[in-house]
C-alpha atoms as a PDB file:
ATOM      1  CA  MET A   1     -19.621  -9.512 -43.283  1.00  0.00           C
ATOM      2  CA  ALA A   2     -16.911  -9.851 -40.641  1.00  0.00           C
ATOM      3  CA  GLY A   3     -17.157  -6.107 -40.001  1.00  0.00           C
ATOM      4  CA  GLN A   4     -20.876  -6.405 -39.260  1.00  0.00           C
ATOM      5  CA  ALA A   5     -20.276  -9.232 -36.791  1.00  0.00           C
ATOM      6  CA  HIS A   6     -17.562  -7.210 -35.042  1.00  0.00           C
ATOM      7  CA  SER A   7     -19.877  -4.184 -34.837  1.00  0.00           C
ATOM      8  CA  HIS A   8     -22.673  -6.348 -33.407  1.00  0.00           C
ATOM      9  CA  ASP A   9     -20.304  -7.862 -30.812  1.00  0.00           C
ATOM     10  CA  ARG A  10     -19.114  -4.400 -29.781  1.00  0.00           C
ATOM     11  CA  LYS A  11     -22.685  -3.080 -29.462  1.00  0.00           C
ATOM     12  CA  HIS A  12     -23.694  -6.125 -27.411  1.00  0.00           C
ATOM     13  CA  GLY A  13     -20.631  -5.669 -25.202  1.00  0.00           C
ATOM     14  CA  LEU A  14     -21.447  -2.016 -24.605  1.00  0.00           C
ATOM     15  CA  ARG A  15     -25.077  -2.867 -23.910  1.00  0.00           C
ATOM     16  CA  ARG A  16     -23.997  -5.504 -21.411  1.00  0.00           C
ATOM     17  CA  LEU A  17     -21.659  -3.057 -19.676  1.00  0.00           C
ATOM     18  CA  PHE A  18     -23.975  -0.047 -19.495  1.00  0.00           C
ATOM     19  CA  VAL A  19     -27.590  -1.155 -19.890  1.00  0.00           C
ATOM     20  CA  GLU A  20     -28.338  -4.754 -18.914  1.00  0.00           C
ATOM     21  CA  HIS A  21     -27.564  -4.614 -15.192  1.00  0.00           C
ATOM     22  CA  PRO A  22     -29.433  -1.360 -14.425  1.00  0.00           C
ATOM     23  CA  GLN A  23     -32.321  -2.489 -16.634  1.00  0.00           C
ATOM     24  CA  ALA A  24     -32.525  -5.841 -14.815  1.00  0.00           C
ATOM     25  CA  LEU A  25     -32.993  -3.839 -11.607  1.00  0.00           C
ATOM     26  CA  GLY A  26     -35.699  -1.688 -13.170  1.00  0.00           C
ATOM     27  CA  MET A  27     -33.469   1.387 -13.386  1.00  0.00           C
ATOM     28  CA  GLY A  28     -31.873   3.549 -16.001  1.00  0.00           C
ATOM     29  CA  TRP A  29     -28.136   4.124 -16.254  1.00  0.00           C
ATOM     30  CA  ALA A  30     -28.222   7.518 -14.484  1.00  0.00           C
ATOM     31  CA  GLU A  31     -30.427   6.337 -11.611  1.00  0.00           C
ATOM     32  CA  HIS A  32     -28.230   3.297 -11.060  1.00  0.00           C
ATOM     33  CA  GLY A  33     -25.088   5.434 -11.249  1.00  0.00           C
ATOM     34  CA  ALA A  34     -26.393   7.961  -8.732  1.00  0.00           C
ATOM     35  CA  GLY A  35     -27.203   5.173  -6.278  1.00  0.00           C
ATOM     36  CA  ALA A  36     -23.808   3.564  -6.769  1.00  0.00           C
ATOM     37  CA  VAL A  37     -22.033   6.892  -6.171  1.00  0.00           C
ATOM     38  CA  ARG A  38     -24.050   7.471  -2.990  1.00  0.00           C
ATOM     39  CA  ILE A  39     -23.260   3.996  -1.655  1.00  0.00           C
ATOM     40  CA  SER A  40     -19.583   4.287  -2.575  1.00  0.00           C
ATOM     41  CA  ALA A  41     -19.303   7.646  -0.764  1.00  0.00           C
ATOM     42  CA  GLU A  42     -20.803   6.117   2.373  1.00  0.00           C
ATOM     43  CA  LEU A  43     -18.469   3.128   2.181  1.00  0.00           C
ATOM     44  CA  ILE A  44     -15.437   5.370   1.685  1.00  0.00           C
ATOM     45  CA  SER A  45     -16.507   7.395   4.730  1.00  0.00           C
ATOM     46  CA  ALA A  46     -16.958   4.226   6.776  1.00  0.00           C
ATOM     47  CA  GLY A  47     -13.557   2.952   5.630  1.00  0.00           C
ATOM     48  CA  THR A  48     -11.928   6.225   6.607  1.00  0.00           C
ATOM     49  CA  ALA A  49     -13.569   5.979  10.029  1.00  0.00           C
ATOM     50  CA  CYS A  50     -12.143   2.449  10.352  1.00  0.00           C
ATOM     51  CA  LEU A  51      -8.642   3.681   9.549  1.00  0.00           C
ATOM     52  CA  ILE A  52      -8.925   6.421  12.155  1.00  0.00           C
ATOM     53  CA  HIS A  53     -10.395   3.921  14.631  1.00  0.00           C
ATOM     54  CA  ALA A  54      -7.379   1.669  14.075  1.00  0.00           C
ATOM     55  CA  ALA A  55      -5.089   4.482  15.230  1.00  0.00           C
ATOM     56  CA  VAL A  56      -7.359   5.835  17.979  1.00  0.00           C
ATOM     57  CA  PRO A  57      -9.614   2.998  19.205  1.00  0.00           C
ATOM     58  CA  GLY A  58     -11.851   5.320  21.192  1.00  0.00           C
ATOM     59  CA  TRP A  59     -12.955   7.213  18.065  1.00  0.00           C
ATOM     60  CA  PHE A  60     -15.570   5.984  15.585  1.00  0.00           C
ATOM     61  CA  THR A  61     -16.301   2.863  17.615  1.00  0.00           C
ATOM     62  CA  GLU A  62     -19.611   2.146  15.854  1.00  0.00           C
ATOM     63  CA  THR A  63     -19.449   4.220  12.676  1.00  0.00           C
ATOM     64  CA  ALA A  64     -18.572   1.502  10.168  1.00  0.00           C
ATOM     65  CA  GLY A  65     -20.972  -1.044  11.648  1.00  0.00           C
ATOM     66  CA  ARG A  66     -23.868   1.411  11.640  1.00  0.00           C
ATOM     67  CA  THR A  67     -23.060   2.423   8.057  1.00  0.00           C
ATOM     68  CA  VAL A  68     -23.008  -1.179   6.832  1.00  0.00           C
ATOM     69  CA  ALA A  69     -26.257  -1.984   8.668  1.00  0.00           C
ATOM     70  CA  ARG A  70     -27.949   1.147   7.259  1.00  0.00           C
ATOM     71  CA  LEU A  71     -26.793   0.389   3.707  1.00  0.00           C
ATOM     72  CA  HIS A  72     -27.918  -3.219   3.992  1.00  0.00           C
ATOM     73  CA  ASP A  73     -31.365  -2.084   5.164  1.00  0.00           C
ATOM     74  CA  HIS A  74     -31.506   0.467   2.317  1.00  0.00           C
ATOM     75  CA  MET A  75     -30.669  -2.204  -0.273  1.00  0.00           C
ATOM     76  CA  LEU A  76     -33.224  -4.668   1.102  1.00  0.00           C
ATOM     77  CA  LYS A  77     -35.945  -1.998   1.009  1.00  0.00           C
ATOM     78  CA  ARG A  78     -35.052  -1.049  -2.593  1.00  0.00           C
ATOM     79  CA  ARG A  79     -35.183  -4.688  -3.605  1.00  0.00           C
ATOM     80  CA  ALA A  80     -38.538  -5.271  -1.874  1.00  0.00           C
ATOM     81  CA  GLY A  81     -40.019  -2.180  -3.525  1.00  0.00           C
ATOM     82  CA  ALA A  82     -38.763  -3.025  -7.004  1.00  0.00           C
ATOM     83  CA  ALA A  83     -41.135  -4.005  -9.782  1.00  0.00           C
ATOM     84  CA  ASN A  84     -39.151  -7.230 -10.249  1.00  0.00           C
ATOM     85  CA  PRO A  85     -37.527  -8.109  -6.897  1.00  0.00           C
ATOM     86  CA  GLU A  86     -37.044 -11.745  -7.912  1.00  0.00           C
ATOM     87  CA  SER A  87     -34.533 -10.687 -10.578  1.00  0.00           C
ATOM     88  CA  TRP A  88     -32.370  -8.769  -8.110  1.00  0.00           C
ATOM     89  CA  PRO A  89     -29.261 -10.508  -6.820  1.00  0.00           C
ATOM     90  CA  ASP A  90     -28.909 -11.450  -3.150  1.00  0.00           C
ATOM     91  CA  TYR A  91     -26.666  -8.423  -2.879  1.00  0.00           C
ATOM     92  CA  GLU A  92     -26.314  -5.333  -4.974  1.00  0.00           C
ATOM     93  CA  ILE A  93     -23.608  -2.854  -5.649  1.00  0.00           C
END
């Protein structure tokens, strides 16, 4: 009996980690993952631009700000177009 409870807890934990969040946003795991990879690549690029800007202030003067504004707009549009926008958080990652 204890083994069944442990198995159930593990399955619920895996479901919570891999299924619940994407499903709450109306997405599958792969779709959510692809979006997260895209956003992370843009943020890494913006962060790299910031590091270069710190060394050479005349370079990449607006890159990070434009990236953040574009990503914010993208996320707001995805939320507005979702089947269940009320269940989306105020922010998404």
